[in-house]
């Protein structure tokens, strides 16, 4: 087998979590978070049948980035692990005042990751890091005051597991969002246990394709994750038709006021020249009969008005 300079290529299952508001609490609270976080992750992994001891982990006090071994169960990490983690967080927060409750953001991705001197490198670790720190995920957790967990799935995880029915999640339980963080631009699907994620105010525009209930995914999202067009996207022809329709709509709206302006600007038509009145025949004074010889003849004088002039004639 030929191997390039970067070594053997591998795609791995990645998990990243981060605690909300860690920097704003006191030292005692930070110690409590650092103690509770690994315990809750271990309990969730055990409940999902995952061996957390085999994970390659990078911990940072209030967060953890983990690379799972090749062949790890994606379904187990996406559903049983997340549901158990949410239950553990709620149990941990029971009887605590709001300011002392622990809430986590979590992200799951399946993508290229290779070992590096300081851990792992590659598009996979970068993508999951950007999504974990993204504004939509932060706002989703902030907009749900009683939530203890907000989860983001990347395109390959959502489209190949959740959307295809490999978990007990319904696709409409997730909300598709656009993620823009530093140099990264992509899409993610959010889930907040106990909340209708579509009703949360995330303060960012929805994506143009496949928004809402997660019924379809834009081809650009699949392509950015190294996958082809996703079922439900409508294909290139449908996307082109949609673009043409969007272009035609504003054009039609522009044409109407333009036509009105043209009608207003056009000079009024000149009135048609008036036709000269038809000649009128005015009765002329009747002349006395003229008698000539032995015959009796009646002669009549008449006048006709032509162009303002009276022309006389005699009729017998």
Protein backbone atom coordinates (compact mmCIF):
# COMPACT_ATOMS: atom_id res chain seq x y z
CA UNK A 1 0.00 0.00 0.00
CA UNK A 2 1.33 3.41 -0.99
CA UNK A 3 1.34 5.93 1.88
CA UNK A 4 1.88 9.66 1.39
CA UNK A 5 3.97 11.98 3.49
CA UNK A 6 1.10 12.52 5.96
CA UNK A 7 0.86 8.81 6.76
CA UNK A 8 -2.27 6.65 6.72
CA UNK A 9 -5.51 8.51 6.08
CA UNK A 10 -8.24 7.82 8.62
CA UNK A 11 -11.67 9.14 9.51
CA UNK A 12 -12.54 9.12 13.19
CA UNK A 13 -15.52 9.72 15.39
CA UNK A 14 -14.97 12.99 17.30
CA UNK A 15 -16.61 14.43 20.41
CA UNK A 16 -16.19 17.89 21.90
CA UNK A 17 -17.86 19.35 25.01
CA UNK A 18 -17.57 22.67 26.82
CA UNK A 19 -19.11 24.03 30.04
CA UNK A 20 -21.13 27.24 29.94
CA UNK A 21 -19.91 30.25 31.89
CA UNK A 22 -16.78 28.65 33.31
CA UNK A 23 -14.74 31.84 33.20
CA UNK A 24 -17.33 33.87 35.09
CA UNK A 25 -17.47 31.70 38.24
CA UNK A 26 -15.19 31.63 41.26
CA UNK A 27 -12.39 29.17 41.95
CA UNK A 28 -14.52 26.85 44.08
CA UNK A 29 -17.10 26.56 41.34
CA UNK A 30 -14.42 25.89 38.71
CA UNK A 31 -13.04 23.05 40.82
CA UNK A 32 -16.53 21.60 41.08
CA UNK A 33 -16.97 21.73 37.28
CA UNK A 34 -13.59 20.07 36.70
CA UNK A 35 -14.62 17.26 39.04
CA UNK A 36 -18.15 16.78 37.70
CA UNK A 37 -17.40 16.93 33.97
CA UNK A 38 -15.24 13.79 33.60
CA UNK A 39 -17.56 11.86 35.90
CA UNK A 40 -20.65 12.73 33.85
CA UNK A 41 -18.90 11.87 30.57
CA UNK A 42 -17.75 8.52 31.93
CA UNK A 43 -21.24 7.65 33.19
CA UNK A 44 -22.78 8.53 29.82
CA UNK A 45 -20.18 6.50 27.93
CA UNK A 46 -20.73 3.46 30.13
CA UNK A 47 -24.50 3.67 29.70
CA UNK A 48 -24.04 3.83 25.91
CA UNK A 49 -21.64 0.90 25.83
CA UNK A 50 -18.61 3.00 24.89
CA UNK A 51 -15.15 2.45 26.36
CA UNK A 52 -14.04 5.92 27.41
CA UNK A 53 -10.68 4.59 28.54
CA UNK A 54 -9.80 3.93 24.89
CA UNK A 55 -10.54 7.50 23.82
CA UNK A 56 -7.68 9.87 23.06
CA UNK A 57 -8.66 12.90 25.13
CA UNK A 58 -7.52 16.47 25.42
CA UNK A 59 -8.97 18.04 28.57
CA UNK A 60 -8.90 21.75 29.38
CA UNK A 61 -10.65 22.08 32.70
CA UNK A 62 -14.08 23.14 31.46
CA UNK A 63 -13.94 21.23 28.15
CA UNK A 64 -12.84 18.02 26.51
CA UNK A 65 -11.98 16.97 22.97
CA UNK A 66 -11.98 13.23 22.34
CA UNK A 67 -11.02 11.07 19.37
CA UNK A 68 -12.70 7.69 19.54
CA UNK A 69 -11.00 4.51 18.23
CA UNK A 70 -11.57 3.40 14.66
CA UNK A 71 -14.79 1.44 14.39
CA UNK A 72 -16.49 3.08 17.37
CA UNK A 73 -20.29 2.99 17.43
CA UNK A 74 -21.57 6.27 15.99
CA UNK A 75 -25.18 5.50 16.86
CA UNK A 76 -24.25 4.95 20.50
CA UNK A 77 -22.47 8.30 20.74
CA UNK A 78 -25.23 10.27 19.01
CA UNK A 79 -28.23 8.99 20.93
CA UNK A 80 -27.73 6.87 24.08
CA UNK A 81 -24.66 8.81 25.14
CA UNK A 82 -26.32 12.22 24.68
CA UNK A 83 -29.56 11.21 26.36
CA UNK A 84 -27.69 9.79 29.33
CA UNK A 85 -25.46 12.86 29.53
CA UNK A 86 -28.55 15.09 29.65
CA UNK A 87 -30.09 12.93 32.40
CA UNK A 88 -26.85 13.05 34.39
CA UNK A 89 -26.64 16.82 34.11
CA UNK A 90 -30.23 17.23 35.30
CA UNK A 91 -29.57 14.98 38.27
CA UNK A 92 -26.42 16.94 39.07
CA UNK A 93 -28.31 20.24 38.92
CA UNK A 94 -31.24 19.12 41.07
CA UNK A 95 -31.74 21.40 44.10
CA UNK A 96 -29.05 23.81 42.84
CA UNK A 97 -29.71 27.49 42.33
CA UNK A 98 -29.58 28.57 38.65
CA UNK A 99 -26.15 30.15 39.03
CA UNK A 100 -24.66 26.88 40.30
CA UNK A 101 -26.08 24.60 37.61
CA UNK A 102 -23.83 22.92 35.08
CA UNK A 103 -24.77 23.20 31.41
CA UNK A 104 -22.79 21.84 28.46
CA UNK A 105 -22.46 22.42 24.75
CA UNK A 106 -21.55 19.28 22.81
CA UNK A 107 -20.65 18.52 19.20
CA UNK A 108 -20.26 15.26 17.30
CA UNK A 109 -18.43 14.85 14.00
CA UNK A 110 -17.07 12.06 11.81
CA UNK A 111 -14.16 13.21 9.70
CA UNK A 112 -10.44 13.12 8.92
CA UNK A 113 -8.14 13.28 11.94
CA UNK A 114 -4.50 12.32 12.21
CA UNK A 115 -2.13 12.25 15.15
CA UNK A 116 0.08 15.31 15.58
CA UNK A 117 2.74 16.41 18.12
CA UNK A 118 0.14 18.20 20.25
CA UNK A 119 -2.76 15.83 19.76
CA UNK A 120 -4.70 15.56 16.49
CA UNK A 121 -4.72 17.63 13.32
CA UNK A 122 -6.79 17.75 10.16
CA UNK A 123 -10.12 19.09 8.92
CA UNK A 124 -12.08 17.02 11.43
CA UNK A 125 -10.73 18.56 14.65
CA UNK A 126 -10.95 22.05 13.14
CA UNK A 127 -14.58 21.63 12.07
CA UNK A 128 -15.83 20.26 15.38
CA UNK A 129 -13.97 22.97 17.27
CA UNK A 130 -15.55 25.76 15.20
CA UNK A 131 -19.04 24.29 15.59
CA UNK A 132 -18.62 23.86 19.37
CA UNK A 133 -17.69 27.55 19.67
CA UNK A 134 -20.28 28.78 17.15
CA UNK A 135 -22.82 31.46 17.95
CA UNK A 136 -25.92 29.39 17.05
CA UNK A 137 -24.99 26.64 19.52
CA UNK A 138 -24.18 29.15 22.26
CA UNK A 139 -27.44 31.01 21.66
CA UNK A 140 -29.46 27.81 21.64
CA UNK A 141 -28.26 26.97 25.16
CA UNK A 142 -28.70 30.57 26.35
CA UNK A 143 -32.25 30.74 24.94
CA UNK A 144 -33.28 27.62 26.89
CA UNK A 145 -32.93 28.62 30.56
CA UNK A 146 -33.84 25.21 31.99
CA UNK A 147 -31.77 23.19 29.52
CA UNK A 148 -28.60 21.43 30.68
CA UNK A 149 -27.34 20.40 27.23
CA UNK A 150 -27.26 21.67 23.66
CA UNK A 151 -25.94 19.32 20.96
CA UNK A 152 -24.69 20.05 17.44
CA UNK A 153 -24.27 17.36 14.78
CA UNK A 154 -22.23 17.93 11.65
CA UNK A 155 -23.50 17.14 8.15
CA UNK A 156 -22.19 13.55 7.83
CA UNK A 157 -23.50 12.58 11.26
CA UNK A 158 -26.97 14.06 10.83
CA UNK A 159 -27.57 13.12 7.19
CA UNK A 160 -26.20 9.58 7.42
CA UNK A 161 -27.54 8.62 10.85
CA UNK A 162 -30.47 10.74 12.03
CA UNK A 163 -32.01 11.61 8.65
CA UNK A 164 -31.76 7.98 7.51
CA UNK A 165 -33.51 6.62 10.60
CA UNK A 166 -30.57 4.92 12.30
CA UNK A 167 -31.50 6.50 15.66
CA UNK A 168 -34.75 7.04 17.54
CA UNK A 169 -34.47 10.77 16.97
CA UNK A 170 -36.96 12.33 14.59
CA UNK A 171 -35.20 14.60 12.06
CA UNK A 172 -37.60 17.45 12.88
CA UNK A 173 -36.25 17.49 16.44
CA UNK A 174 -33.13 19.14 14.98
CA UNK A 175 -32.70 22.60 13.54
CA UNK A 176 -30.32 23.29 10.69
CA UNK A 177 -28.17 26.41 11.10
CA UNK A 178 -25.35 28.14 9.28
CA UNK A 179 -22.06 28.21 11.19
CA UNK A 180 -19.52 30.93 10.49
CA UNK A 181 -16.54 30.92 12.80
CA UNK A 182 -13.12 32.32 11.88
CA UNK A 183 -12.19 30.79 8.52
CA UNK A 184 -14.85 28.06 8.74
CA UNK A 185 -18.26 28.20 7.10
CA UNK A 186 -20.58 25.22 7.17
CA UNK A 187 -23.78 23.84 8.61
CA UNK A 188 -24.83 22.03 11.74
CA UNK A 189 -28.00 20.51 13.21
CA UNK A 190 -28.94 21.49 16.76
CA UNK A 191 -30.86 19.56 19.41
CA UNK A 192 -31.80 20.89 22.85
CA UNK A 193 -33.42 18.25 25.10
CA UNK A 194 -36.78 19.35 26.45
CA UNK A 195 -37.19 22.26 24.02
CA UNK A 196 -38.58 22.89 20.58
CA UNK A 197 -35.34 24.08 19.01
CA UNK A 198 -37.23 25.74 16.15
CA UNK A 199 -38.90 28.11 18.62
CA UNK A 200 -35.62 29.31 20.14
CA UNK A 201 -34.35 32.76 19.19
CA UNK A 202 -30.89 32.14 17.74
CA UNK A 203 -30.51 35.61 16.26
CA UNK A 204 -29.13 34.36 12.94
CA UNK A 205 -30.65 33.83 9.52
CA UNK A 206 -31.83 30.38 8.55
CA UNK A 207 -30.16 28.55 5.73
CA UNK A 208 -31.72 28.80 2.32
CA UNK A 209 -31.82 25.05 1.71
CA UNK A 210 -33.25 22.37 3.95
CA UNK A 211 -34.16 24.78 6.74
CA UNK A 212 -36.70 23.95 9.35
CA UNK A 213 -37.49 20.39 10.19
CA UNK A 214 -34.33 18.86 8.78
CA UNK A 215 -36.25 17.24 5.95
CA UNK A 216 -33.51 17.99 3.44
CA UNK A 217 -29.93 19.10 3.33
CA UNK A 218 -28.33 21.43 0.82
CA UNK A 219 -25.76 19.98 -1.52
CA UNK A 220 -23.21 22.51 -0.29
CA UNK A 221 -23.43 21.11 3.23
CA UNK A 222 -22.78 17.59 2.05
CA UNK A 223 -19.99 18.71 -0.25
CA UNK A 224 -18.23 20.62 2.53
CA UNK A 225 -18.15 17.43 4.57
CA UNK A 226 -16.78 15.35 1.72
CA UNK A 227 -20.10 13.88 0.64
CA UNK A 228 -22.25 14.13 -2.47
CA UNK A 229 -25.74 15.62 -2.69
CA UNK A 230 -27.97 14.47 0.14
CA UNK A 231 -31.36 12.88 -0.53
CA UNK A 232 -34.08 15.49 -0.21
CA UNK A 233 -31.99 18.31 -1.59
CA UNK A 234 -33.78 18.19 -4.96
CA UNK A 235 -30.65 17.85 -7.09
CA UNK A 236 -28.95 20.46 -9.26
CA UNK A 237 -31.93 20.88 -11.63
CA UNK A 238 -34.30 21.70 -8.80
CA UNK A 239 -31.79 24.08 -7.28
CA UNK A 240 -31.34 25.81 -10.65
CA UNK A 241 -35.10 26.10 -11.09
CA UNK A 242 -35.41 27.59 -7.63
CA UNK A 243 -32.71 30.11 -8.40
CA UNK A 244 -34.45 31.07 -11.67
CA UNK A 245 -37.75 31.53 -9.88
CA UNK A 246 -36.11 33.68 -7.24
CA UNK A 247 -34.51 35.79 -9.96
CA UNK A 248 -37.77 36.16 -11.94
CA UNK A 249 -39.80 37.32 -8.95
CA UNK A 250 -37.92 40.54 -8.26
CA UNK A 251 -37.69 41.18 -12.03
CA UNK A 252 -41.46 41.05 -12.35
CA UNK A 253 -41.85 43.38 -9.38
CA UNK A 254 -39.44 45.82 -10.99
CA UNK A 255 -41.21 45.68 -14.39
CA UNK A 256 -44.57 46.85 -13.02
CA UNK A 257 -43.42 50.24 -11.65
CA UNK A 258 -41.27 50.69 -14.78
CA UNK A 259 -44.31 50.26 -17.03
CA UNK A 260 -46.24 52.76 -14.94
CA UNK A 261 -43.42 55.26 -15.17
CA UNK A 262 -43.32 54.83 -18.96
CA UNK A 263 -47.03 55.51 -19.21
CA UNK A 264 -46.67 58.67 -17.13
CA UNK A 265 -43.69 59.89 -19.16
CA UNK A 266 -45.26 59.28 -22.62
CA UNK A 267 -46.57 62.51 -24.27
CA UNK A 268 -50.32 62.76 -24.68
CA UNK A 269 -51.56 62.03 -28.21
CA UNK A 270 -52.44 65.13 -30.29
CA UNK A 271 -56.12 65.47 -31.02
CA UNK A 272 -57.19 64.51 -34.54
CA UNK A 273 -57.78 67.47 -36.90
CA UNK A 274 -61.35 68.54 -37.05
CA UNK A 275 -63.19 67.80 -40.30
CA UNK A 276 -64.68 70.80 -42.11
CA UNK A 277 -68.45 70.92 -41.73
CA UNK A 278 -70.44 69.57 -44.59
CA UNK A 279 -71.88 72.18 -46.92
CA UNK A 280 -75.21 73.49 -45.75
CA UNK A 281 -77.97 74.48 -48.15
CA UNK A 282 -79.80 77.62 -47.12
CA UNK A 283 -83.19 78.40 -48.56
CA UNK A 284 -83.01 81.38 -50.96
CA UNK A 285 -85.73 83.92 -51.31
CA UNK A 286 -88.33 82.77 -53.75
CA UNK A 287 -88.34 84.83 -56.96
CA UNK A 288 -91.38 85.97 -58.66
CA UNK A 289 -92.42 83.76 -61.58
CA UNK A 290 -91.20 84.89 -64.94
CA UNK A 291 -93.58 84.55 -67.79
CA UNK A 292 -92.30 84.18 -71.29
CA UNK A 293 -94.43 83.87 -74.39
CA UNK A 294 -97.46 81.69 -74.17
CA UNK A 295 -96.02 79.02 -71.83
CA UNK A 296 -96.25 79.36 -68.12
CA UNK A 297 -92.97 78.39 -66.47
CA UNK A 298 -92.09 78.60 -62.75
CA UNK A 299 -88.52 79.61 -62.11
CA UNK A 300 -86.96 79.27 -58.63
CA UNK A 301 -83.84 80.92 -57.27
CA UNK A 302 -81.77 79.01 -54.71
CA UNK A 303 -78.46 79.56 -52.92
CA UNK A 304 -75.81 77.14 -51.65
CA UNK A 305 -73.18 77.98 -48.96
CA UNK A 306 -69.74 76.63 -49.92
CA UNK A 307 -66.72 77.53 -47.75
CA UNK A 308 -68.52 80.54 -46.40
CA UNK A 309 -69.62 81.86 -49.82
CA UNK A 310 -73.16 81.82 -51.15
CA UNK A 311 -73.56 80.54 -54.68
CA UNK A 312 -76.91 81.15 -56.33
CA UNK A 313 -78.60 79.06 -58.99
CA UNK A 314 -81.85 78.99 -60.81
CA UNK A 315 -84.00 75.94 -61.22
CA UNK A 316 -87.08 75.59 -63.28
